[in-house]
Amino acid sequence: MLTKIKDKYLEFSAFIILMLWMISPLVEYFFKLGYRHLYTKYFTTTIYIIGSVGIVLYIIYFIKTIKKKNVSIKNFIPEIILLILLIISVISTLVSKDSYMSFYGETYRKEGLLVYIMYIGFLLSASIIKDSKYLNYLFKTMIIICLIITINPIFGNRFTYLKFTNIFHNPNHYGYYLMINTMVALFMFISNNKITKKVTYMLIYIFFLYLLLRNDTFGSYLSVLATLIFLLVYSIIKKHNRLNVLLVIIVFIATSFCVSHFDIKIGEKVNFKSTKGFLLEDFSFLFKDISDITDDDGKVAEPAGSYRIVLWKEAWNYTLDHPLFGGGMECLKYYQMSKEKGFYAKYNDRPHNSILQASAFIGIPGAIVYLTFILYIAISNLIKLKDNNLHIMIYCTAMCYFLSSLLGNSMYYTSPYFMILLGILIGFNRLNKKKKKNMI
């Protein structure tokens, strides 16, 4: 019975449920403005809908696929690694000191095992989508929604400050969202040939980059910078859109300098007398932190990276105490709150590094499996990364997010974007020798 369901219906269904996520920021923005009792309800409810439906769609897709001839197990290596990761996570939850919280998560981050299973539904449903038309609709919708929820506060003159949370709980979380949209917008510019579209996407790219700078989320900014360096090297070696890539990098540098050096804020006068920009200060602190880490015995290095060194040390110490299966999801919350006083008790429930977070939550084997999963997707796609703008866009945006995750937190309203990107890359990898459409 299930095998009679056509692939195009599964693909369209996956597209529809993921579109529900792309519009989620606008729904939450509407709730935050006038119906605060419903605020974040759409996020949390939609996660369960998309996750569960996505898993069902993939099961049908999998059954249909394995019944076809000449299907190799190599086509499902990411899923096999993911299954191993899930088994380790379940065991970790069962042996956790607080299995209830490990399964359901705590009230702020909401990322227990159950939500991580729902993330798998996002990833698997995204892997079903092959039609570039659907993928373009998803990411163009995401950009439009981002424009709406970011432009409106500016009209209210609220974005004249350095940091702003928008619909999120923390400016850093808003920074992850801006980072993704910045990456997609710059690729939309690179990939379009019509002058009106190129100008439009360039302006959107500059606007999102401006917001990212004013939001002062330095980790996200560094991730975009690193990804652009990779893109420049790739474009030179592969002779791919060299002029366009060079142009977005020049605009990146110019926008960064102007916004930082002249302290440009929408709604306020430009400070042309500025002699030292906040971005230069951020880089100065970064280089100082690196120097302290390498030259000192550790005590001076504690403030490095906004105390991330402290967080990383504590997460690693906890990992060494629970090396096999970790302490379960959100285990660091109780561990750090057990500190009598000081910085740890207030801020140290997340290590701000996805690999260390995995090792603390599900143990060293789990962290290795997670890293293997990411590296397999990254390497296998890089090998097959041809002159395909859509594939390059998804790849670079996913890697940009992963880089930011090494310095930041996962949250229930930002992690799904990463899962969608990874899922699409799995789908691209399965195309093998099939011709991929190149449309943005």
Foldseek 3Di string as FASTA:
>chain_A
DLLPDDLVVLLVVLLVLLLLLLLVLVVLLVCVVPPVVCHCVSLVVSLVVLLVVLVVSLVSVVVNQVPDPPDDCVLCVLVVLVVVLLVLQVVLLVPFPCNPCQQQNDDQQRDHSVSVSSLLSLLNSLLSHFDVVSVVVSLVSNLVSVCVQVVVVVVVVPLLAQADQRSHPGRLLVLLSLLLNLLLLLLQLLQDDDPVSNVVSLVSNLVSLLSNRSNVNVLLLVLSVVLLVVVQVCCVVQVASNVSSVVVVVSSVVSNCQCFQQVDGRPDDTNPVGDGGVVNVVVVLQVVLVVCVVPDPPPVNCCRLNRLVVLLVVLVVQLVVVAAFANGQQSLQVVQCVDPDDDSNPPNSASLAVLSNQCNHTHDVSSVSVVVSVVVLLVLLVVVVHNASVSSSLNSSLSSSNSSSRRGDDGSSNVSVNSSSSSNSSSVSSCVPPDHDRDD
